C-alpha atoms as a PDB file:
ATOM      1  CA  ASN A   1      -0.043  -0.031   0.031  1.00  0.00           C
ATOM      2  CA  TYR A   2       1.887   3.240  -1.271  1.00  0.00           C
ATOM      3  CA  GLU A   3      -0.139   5.552   0.885  1.00  0.00           C
ATOM      4  CA  ARG A   4       0.498   3.700   4.155  1.00  0.00           C
ATOM      5  CA  THR A   5       4.309   3.338   3.133  1.00  0.00           C
ATOM      6  CA  MET A   6       4.450   7.267   2.585  1.00  0.00           C
ATOM      7  CA  LYS A   7       2.819   7.906   5.944  1.00  0.00           C
ATOM      8  CA  LEU A   8       5.453   5.716   7.766  1.00  0.00           C
ATOM      9  CA  LEU A   9       8.249   7.432   5.739  1.00  0.00           C
ATOM     10  CA  ARG A  10       6.932  10.811   6.798  1.00  0.00           C
ATOM     11  CA  LEU A  11       6.688   9.843  10.227  1.00  0.00           C
ATOM     12  CA  ALA A  12      10.198   8.295  10.363  1.00  0.00           C
ATOM     13  CA  LEU A  13      11.711  11.321   8.937  1.00  0.00           C
ATOM     14  CA  LEU A  14       9.799  13.701  11.443  1.00  0.00           C
ATOM     15  CA  SER A  15      10.948  11.662  14.443  1.00  0.00           C
ATOM     16  CA  LEU A  16      14.790  11.865  13.181  1.00  0.00           C
ATOM     17  CA  PRO A  17      15.536  14.922  15.279  1.00  0.00           C
ATOM     18  CA  LEU A  18      14.123  13.104  18.369  1.00  0.00           C
ATOM     19  CA  LEU A  19      16.262  10.258  18.063  1.00  0.00           C
ATOM     20  CA  SER A  20      19.453  12.369  17.619  1.00  0.00           C
ATOM     21  CA  GLY A  21      19.943  12.694  21.169  1.00  0.00           C
ATOM     22  CA  CYS A  22      19.601   9.047  22.039  1.00  0.00           C
ATOM     23  CA  PHE A  23      23.388   8.654  21.845  1.00  0.00           C
ATOM     24  CA  VAL A  24      26.279  11.472  21.732  1.00  0.00           C
ATOM     25  CA  ASN A  25      29.816  10.870  22.205  1.00  0.00           C
ATOM     26  CA  VAL A  26      31.990  13.861  21.369  1.00  0.00           C
ATOM     27  CA  LYS A  27      35.584  14.671  22.344  1.00  0.00           C
ATOM     28  CA  ILE A  28      36.629  18.435  22.698  1.00  0.00           C
ATOM     29  CA  PRO A  29      40.001  19.864  22.818  1.00  0.00           C
ATOM     30  CA  LEU A  30      40.638  22.319  25.959  1.00  0.00           C
ATOM     31  CA  ASP A  31      43.336  24.070  23.939  1.00  0.00           C
ATOM     32  CA  THR A  32      43.387  26.876  21.420  1.00  0.00           C
ATOM     33  CA  ASP A  33      46.690  26.512  19.890  1.00  0.00           C
ATOM     34  CA  LEU A  34      46.361  22.973  18.532  1.00  0.00           C
ATOM     35  CA  ASP A  35      48.916  23.453  15.769  1.00  0.00           C
ATOM     36  CA  ARG A  36      51.794  23.944  18.399  1.00  0.00           C
ATOM     37  CA  THR A  37      50.726  21.310  21.045  1.00  0.00           C
ATOM     38  CA  GLU A  38      52.979  18.547  22.042  1.00  0.00           C
ATOM     39  CA  LEU A  39      51.308  15.844  23.849  1.00  0.00           C
ATOM     40  CA  GLY A  40      54.013  14.473  26.086  1.00  0.00           C
ATOM     41  CA  ALA A  41      54.614  10.845  27.079  1.00  0.00           C
ATOM     42  CA  LYS A  42      52.125  10.296  29.736  1.00  0.00           C
ATOM     43  CA  VAL A  43      48.226  10.216  29.592  1.00  0.00           C
ATOM     44  CA  GLY A  44      45.742  10.502  32.515  1.00  0.00           C
ATOM     45  CA  GLU A  45      41.877  10.310  32.761  1.00  0.00           C
ATOM     46  CA  SER A  46      39.427  11.209  35.326  1.00  0.00           C
ATOM     47  CA  SER A  47      35.470  10.816  34.930  1.00  0.00           C
ATOM     48  CA  ALA A  48      32.293  11.774  36.537  1.00  0.00           C
ATOM     49  CA  GLN A  49      29.100   9.991  35.825  1.00  0.00           C
ATOM     50  CA  SER A  50      25.438  10.520  36.354  1.00  0.00           C
ATOM     51  CA  ILE A  51      22.263   8.444  36.138  1.00  0.00           C
ATOM     52  CA  LEU A  52      18.686   9.919  35.643  1.00  0.00           C
ATOM     53  CA  TRP A  53      20.007  13.506  36.430  1.00  0.00           C
ATOM     54  CA  LEU A  54      19.769  12.646  40.214  1.00  0.00           C
ATOM     55  CA  VAL A  55      22.829  10.398  41.216  1.00  0.00           C
ATOM     56  CA  PHE A  56      26.442  11.783  40.458  1.00  0.00           C
ATOM     57  CA  TRP A  57      29.619  10.315  41.097  1.00  0.00           C
ATOM     58  CA  GLY A  58      33.172  10.758  40.342  1.00  0.00           C
ATOM     59  CA  ASP A  59      35.953  13.482  39.847  1.00  0.00           C
ATOM     60  CA  SER A  60      36.352  14.748  36.195  1.00  0.00           C
ATOM     61  CA  GLY A  61      38.614  17.433  36.932  1.00  0.00           C
ATOM     62  CA  THR A  62      42.045  18.266  35.581  1.00  0.00           C
ATOM     63  CA  GLN A  63      44.174  17.524  38.873  1.00  0.00           C
ATOM     64  CA  ALA A  64      42.421  14.141  39.178  1.00  0.00           C
ATOM     65  CA  ALA A  65      43.501  13.330  35.634  1.00  0.00           C
ATOM     66  CA  ALA A  66      46.925  14.564  36.151  1.00  0.00           C
ATOM     67  CA  ARG A  67      47.170  12.631  39.277  1.00  0.00           C
ATOM     68  CA  GLN A  68      46.085   9.384  37.720  1.00  0.00           C
ATOM     69  CA  GLY A  69      48.427   9.576  34.927  1.00  0.00           C
ATOM     70  CA  GLY A  70      51.350  10.456  36.999  1.00  0.00           C
ATOM     71  CA  ILE A  71      51.652  14.054  35.293  1.00  0.00           C
ATOM     72  CA  THR A  72      53.403  16.822  36.865  1.00  0.00           C
ATOM     73  CA  THR A  73      53.249  19.192  33.812  1.00  0.00           C
ATOM     74  CA  ILE A  74      50.238  19.197  31.581  1.00  0.00           C
ATOM     75  CA  THR A  75      50.634  20.183  27.924  1.00  0.00           C
ATOM     76  CA  HIS A  76      47.198  19.365  26.592  1.00  0.00           C
ATOM     77  CA  ALA A  77      43.779  18.530  27.771  1.00  0.00           C
ATOM     78  CA  ASP A  78      40.537  17.222  26.271  1.00  0.00           C
ATOM     79  CA  ARG A  79      36.893  16.759  27.200  1.00  0.00           C
ATOM     80  CA  GLN A  80      34.936  13.703  26.208  1.00  0.00           C
ATOM     81  CA  ILE A  81      31.165  13.893  26.835  1.00  0.00           C
ATOM     82  CA  LEU A  82      28.781  10.699  26.625  1.00  0.00           C
ATOM     83  CA  THR A  83      25.060  10.856  26.818  1.00  0.00           C
ATOM     84  CA  ILE A  84      22.905   8.080  26.335  1.00  0.00           C
ATOM     85  CA  LEU A  85      19.134   8.824  25.926  1.00  0.00           C
ATOM     86  CA  PHE A  86      19.242  12.533  26.463  1.00  0.00           C
ATOM     87  CA  GLY A  87      21.095  12.222  29.777  1.00  0.00           C
ATOM     88  CA  VAL A  88      19.770   9.262  31.333  1.00  0.00           C
ATOM     89  CA  TYR A  89      23.197   8.188  31.773  1.00  0.00           C
ATOM     90  CA  ALA A  90      25.980  10.662  31.102  1.00  0.00           C
ATOM     91  CA  ARG A  91      29.796  10.537  31.776  1.00  0.00           C
ATOM     92  CA  GLU A  92      32.271  13.271  31.373  1.00  0.00           C
ATOM     93  CA  THR A  93      35.809  12.562  31.100  1.00  0.00           C
ATOM     94  CA  THR A  94      38.856  14.822  31.209  1.00  0.00           C
ATOM     95  CA  ILE A  95      41.828  13.498  29.424  1.00  0.00           C
ATOM     96  CA  VAL A  96      45.185  15.262  30.029  1.00  0.00           C
ATOM     97  CA  TYR A  97      48.702  14.911  28.407  1.00  0.00           C
ATOM     98  CA  GLY A  98      52.167  15.883  29.635  1.00  0.00           C
ATOM     99  CA  ASP A  99      55.095  14.723  31.496  1.00  0.00           C
END
């Protein structure tokens, strides 16, 4: 049935913007001069997580990431954000590089 198929196709296309927030995983540099950045020999990470926007745990700070990687001099940092189902579960990770 052509009409039924077209209605389902329109419904699917209209619902795409709603589905775009179901899973988001982005990595953002926290530096402005990326062309001159040297990463260093060590990498450290720290994360904070949340469930249902009510329960939060962890430390996603730069100092915690440096401590985890044994880094005393930070040369670059990234932030990674993972969100599932519009934030039902979320994790924010700081990644630092240095020596």
